[in-house]
Amino acid sequence: MDWVSSALDQLTLAEFIASGAYDRHVRLMRQRYRRRRDQLVEALARRASGVRVSGIAAGLQAVLELPPGSERSVVEAAAREDLAVSWLADFRHDAEGAPGRPPGRDALVVNFAGPTDSAWAATLDALCRAMP
C-alpha cells in the first residue's frame, strides 16, 4: 500500500517492468557500476598503494582504508579537488552515544556511482591525487 506514488507513476513502473525495460536497465547499471568499481580499485592500487579498498562486494560505495593519521589531510586534499568524501567515523557510533567522533581506523567512504559518465575519469583522477 502506497500513499505517496500517483497512479500514473505506478502504471508507468508496471509498464517498465512488464516490457522488460526494467531488467535491461538493471543489467546495464550493474555492468556500469562494476566497471567503475574495478577502475577505482585498479587506479588506487597503481597510484595510492598505501590505501586499501574494502566494502566493495555490494553497493555503490567503497571504504578506502588510509594510513594511520592521514584521514584529515586526505579529506582536505579531496575538498581542494572539489570532491565530497565522507569520513568513515560519520558512520560509527560509540557505545554510550557520546557526542564527537568515536575512535577508529582512518578511512573514507566514497560513492563511485555519483559522477556522470563524462565526469568519471576526471573524478577518479582527482581522487587519486588526493590520496597519500
C-alpha atoms as a PDB file:
ATOM      1  CA  MET A   1       0.000   0.000   0.000  1.00  0.00           C
ATOM      2  CA  ASP A   2       1.485   3.310  -1.079  1.00  0.00           C
ATOM      3  CA  TRP A   3       0.054   6.699  -0.173  1.00  0.00           C
ATOM      4  CA  VAL A   4       2.755   8.686  -1.964  1.00  0.00           C
ATOM      5  CA  SER A   5       3.072   7.409  -5.551  1.00  0.00           C
ATOM      6  CA  SER A   6       0.483   8.595  -8.009  1.00  0.00           C
ATOM      7  CA  ALA A   7      -1.480   6.137 -10.119  1.00  0.00           C
ATOM      8  CA  LEU A   8       0.390   7.418 -13.191  1.00  0.00           C
ATOM      9  CA  ASP A   9       3.764   6.665 -11.536  1.00  0.00           C
ATOM     10  CA  GLN A  10       2.595   3.177 -10.592  1.00  0.00           C
ATOM     11  CA  LEU A  11       1.248   2.440 -14.087  1.00  0.00           C
ATOM     12  CA  THR A  12       4.484   3.717 -15.647  1.00  0.00           C
ATOM     13  CA  LEU A  13       6.566   1.450 -13.394  1.00  0.00           C
ATOM     14  CA  ALA A  14       4.277  -1.505 -14.147  1.00  0.00           C
ATOM     15  CA  GLU A  15       4.790  -0.957 -17.900  1.00  0.00           C
ATOM     16  CA  PHE A  16       8.544  -0.525 -17.394  1.00  0.00           C
ATOM     17  CA  ILE A  17       8.647  -3.910 -15.638  1.00  0.00           C
ATOM     18  CA  ALA A  18       6.240  -5.704 -17.999  1.00  0.00           C
ATOM     19  CA  SER A  19       8.101  -4.557 -21.115  1.00  0.00           C
ATOM     20  CA  GLY A  20      11.422  -5.923 -19.872  1.00  0.00           C
ATOM     21  CA  ALA A  21      12.964  -2.437 -19.848  1.00  0.00           C
ATOM     22  CA  TYR A  22      13.450  -2.592 -16.087  1.00  0.00           C
ATOM     23  CA  ASP A  23      15.514  -5.798 -16.343  1.00  0.00           C
ATOM     24  CA  ARG A  24      17.612  -4.294 -19.149  1.00  0.00           C
ATOM     25  CA  HIS A  25      18.192  -1.155 -17.088  1.00  0.00           C
ATOM     26  CA  VAL A  26      19.273  -3.141 -14.016  1.00  0.00           C
ATOM     27  CA  ARG A  27      21.700  -5.246 -16.096  1.00  0.00           C
ATOM     28  CA  LEU A  28      23.183  -2.107 -17.685  1.00  0.00           C
ATOM     29  CA  MET A  29      23.599  -0.380 -14.329  1.00  0.00           C
ATOM     30  CA  ARG A  30      25.232  -3.460 -12.773  1.00  0.00           C
ATOM     31  CA  GLN A  31      27.775  -3.534 -15.607  1.00  0.00           C
ATOM     32  CA  ARG A  32      28.421   0.198 -15.383  1.00  0.00           C
ATOM     33  CA  TYR A  33      28.958   0.214 -11.630  1.00  0.00           C
ATOM     34  CA  ARG A  34      31.015  -2.994 -11.649  1.00  0.00           C
ATOM     35  CA  ARG A  35      33.294  -1.390 -14.252  1.00  0.00           C
ATOM     36  CA  ARG A  36      33.594   1.778 -12.157  1.00  0.00           C
ATOM     37  CA  ARG A  37      34.301  -0.231  -9.008  1.00  0.00           C
ATOM     38  CA  ASP A  38      37.019  -2.175 -10.814  1.00  0.00           C
ATOM     39  CA  GLN A  39      38.521   1.031 -12.219  1.00  0.00           C
ATOM     40  CA  LEU A  40      38.543   2.562  -8.725  1.00  0.00           C
ATOM     41  CA  VAL A  41      40.326  -0.447  -7.228  1.00  0.00           C
ATOM     42  CA  GLU A  42      42.847  -0.602 -10.089  1.00  0.00           C
ATOM     43  CA  ALA A  43      43.610   3.131 -10.042  1.00  0.00           C
ATOM     44  CA  LEU A  44      44.174   3.175  -6.292  1.00  0.00           C
ATOM     45  CA  ALA A  45      46.380   0.075  -6.465  1.00  0.00           C
ATOM     46  CA  ARG A  46      48.517   1.808  -9.096  1.00  0.00           C
ATOM     47  CA  ARG A  47      48.591   5.344  -7.714  1.00  0.00           C
ATOM     48  CA  ALA A  48      47.953   5.047  -3.969  1.00  0.00           C
ATOM     49  CA  SER A  49      49.474   1.809  -2.808  1.00  0.00           C
ATOM     50  CA  GLY A  50      49.072   2.770   0.869  1.00  0.00           C
ATOM     51  CA  VAL A  51      45.281   2.756   0.505  1.00  0.00           C
ATOM     52  CA  ARG A  52      43.347  -0.474   0.928  1.00  0.00           C
ATOM     53  CA  VAL A  53      39.890  -0.720  -0.634  1.00  0.00           C
ATOM     54  CA  SER A  54      37.190  -2.740   1.123  1.00  0.00           C
ATOM     55  CA  GLY A  55      33.417  -2.948   1.254  1.00  0.00           C
ATOM     56  CA  ILE A  56      33.127  -3.436  -2.493  1.00  0.00           C
ATOM     57  CA  ALA A  57      31.231  -6.709  -2.654  1.00  0.00           C
ATOM     58  CA  ALA A  58      27.917  -4.898  -2.956  1.00  0.00           C
ATOM     59  CA  GLY A  59      26.517  -1.426  -3.173  1.00  0.00           C
ATOM     60  CA  LEU A  60      27.706   1.763  -4.797  1.00  0.00           C
ATOM     61  CA  GLN A  61      30.267   2.843  -2.227  1.00  0.00           C
ATOM     62  CA  ALA A  62      33.718   1.702  -1.179  1.00  0.00           C
ATOM     63  CA  VAL A  63      35.687   2.126   2.025  1.00  0.00           C
ATOM     64  CA  LEU A  64      39.194   3.455   1.484  1.00  0.00           C
ATOM     65  CA  GLU A  65      41.360   2.476   4.431  1.00  0.00           C
ATOM     66  CA  LEU A  66      44.112   5.063   4.811  1.00  0.00           C
ATOM     67  CA  PRO A  67      47.483   5.039   6.528  1.00  0.00           C
ATOM     68  CA  PRO A  68      47.100   5.975  10.220  1.00  0.00           C
ATOM     69  CA  GLY A  69      46.943   9.704  10.817  1.00  0.00           C
ATOM     70  CA  SER A  70      46.247  10.649   7.188  1.00  0.00           C
ATOM     71  CA  GLU A  71      42.457  10.917   7.207  1.00  0.00           C
ATOM     72  CA  ARG A  72      42.197  14.663   7.826  1.00  0.00           C
ATOM     73  CA  SER A  73      44.820  15.576   5.218  1.00  0.00           C
ATOM     74  CA  VAL A  74      43.130  13.342   2.621  1.00  0.00           C
ATOM     75  CA  VAL A  75      39.705  14.873   3.308  1.00  0.00           C
ATOM     76  CA  GLU A  76      41.221  18.354   2.948  1.00  0.00           C
ATOM     77  CA  ALA A  77      43.019  17.356  -0.272  1.00  0.00           C
ATOM     78  CA  ALA A  78      39.771  15.892  -1.648  1.00  0.00           C
ATOM     79  CA  ALA A  79      37.959  19.144  -0.850  1.00  0.00           C
ATOM     80  CA  ARG A  80      40.621  21.077  -2.784  1.00  0.00           C
ATOM     81  CA  GLU A  81      39.859  18.748  -5.719  1.00  0.00           C
ATOM     82  CA  ASP A  82      36.127  19.608  -5.348  1.00  0.00           C
ATOM     83  CA  LEU A  83      35.332  16.072  -4.187  1.00  0.00           C
ATOM     84  CA  ALA A  84      32.878  15.256  -1.434  1.00  0.00           C
ATOM     85  CA  VAL A  85      34.020  12.262   0.591  1.00  0.00           C
ATOM     86  CA  SER A  86      32.725  11.022   3.928  1.00  0.00           C
ATOM     87  CA  TRP A  87      34.789  10.124   6.963  1.00  0.00           C
ATOM     88  CA  LEU A  88      34.178   6.541   7.999  1.00  0.00           C
ATOM     89  CA  ALA A  89      33.682   7.911  11.513  1.00  0.00           C
ATOM     90  CA  ASP A  90      30.472   9.572  10.292  1.00  0.00           C
ATOM     91  CA  PHE A  91      29.032   6.061  10.073  1.00  0.00           C
ATOM     92  CA  ARG A  92      30.148   4.928  13.570  1.00  0.00           C
ATOM     93  CA  HIS A  93      28.663   5.476  16.998  1.00  0.00           C
ATOM     94  CA  ASP A  94      30.295   4.808  20.313  1.00  0.00           C
ATOM     95  CA  ALA A  95      28.629   2.524  22.854  1.00  0.00           C
ATOM     96  CA  GLU A  96      27.336   5.358  25.044  1.00  0.00           C
ATOM     97  CA  GLY A  97      26.185   7.572  22.173  1.00  0.00           C
ATOM     98  CA  ALA A  98      28.563  10.306  23.325  1.00  0.00           C
ATOM     99  CA  PRO A  99      28.999  13.294  21.013  1.00  0.00           C
ATOM    100  CA  GLY A 100      32.081  13.612  18.830  1.00  0.00           C
ATOM    101  CA  ARG A 101      33.804  11.241  16.516  1.00  0.00           C
ATOM    102  CA  PRO A 102      34.376   7.819  18.028  1.00  0.00           C
ATOM    103  CA  PRO A 103      37.883   6.457  17.606  1.00  0.00           C
ATOM    104  CA  GLY A 104      38.548   4.002  14.838  1.00  0.00           C
ATOM    105  CA  ARG A 105      40.646   3.371  11.789  1.00  0.00           C
ATOM    106  CA  ASP A 106      41.372   6.155   9.330  1.00  0.00           C
ATOM    107  CA  ALA A 107      39.125   5.564   6.350  1.00  0.00           C
ATOM    108  CA  LEU A 108      36.809   7.276   3.905  1.00  0.00           C
ATOM    109  CA  VAL A 109      33.578   6.225   2.265  1.00  0.00           C
ATOM    110  CA  VAL A 110      33.404   7.139  -1.415  1.00  0.00           C
ATOM    111  CA  ASN A 111      30.472   6.817  -3.770  1.00  0.00           C
ATOM    112  CA  PHE A 112      31.557   5.637  -7.199  1.00  0.00           C
ATOM    113  CA  ALA A 113      28.077   5.883  -8.706  1.00  0.00           C
ATOM    114  CA  GLY A 114      27.576   9.615  -8.305  1.00  0.00           C
ATOM    115  CA  PRO A 115      29.672  11.160 -11.087  1.00  0.00           C
ATOM    116  CA  THR A 116      28.231  11.255 -14.569  1.00  0.00           C
ATOM    117  CA  ASP A 117      29.830   9.009 -17.165  1.00  0.00           C
ATOM    118  CA  SER A 118      31.528  12.010 -18.776  1.00  0.00           C
ATOM    119  CA  ALA A 119      32.969  13.131 -15.405  1.00  0.00           C
ATOM    120  CA  TRP A 120      34.012   9.711 -14.080  1.00  0.00           C
ATOM    121  CA  ALA A 121      37.595   9.610 -15.419  1.00  0.00           C
ATOM    122  CA  ALA A 122      38.387  13.113 -14.140  1.00  0.00           C
ATOM    123  CA  THR A 123      36.770  12.355 -10.782  1.00  0.00           C
ATOM    124  CA  LEU A 124      38.793   9.173 -10.388  1.00  0.00           C
ATOM    125  CA  ASP A 125      41.975  11.053 -11.289  1.00  0.00           C
ATOM    126  CA  ALA A 126      41.176  13.786  -8.740  1.00  0.00           C
ATOM    127  CA  LEU A 127      40.520  11.182  -6.054  1.00  0.00           C
ATOM    128  CA  CYS A 128      43.876   9.530  -6.721  1.00  0.00           C
ATOM    129  CA  ARG A 129      45.630  12.914  -6.459  1.00  0.00           C
ATOM    130  CA  ALA A 130      44.078  13.406  -3.012  1.00  0.00           C
ATOM    131  CA  MET A 131      45.383  10.085  -1.706  1.00  0.00           C
ATOM    132  CA  PRO A 132      48.609   9.787   0.329  1.00  0.00           C
END
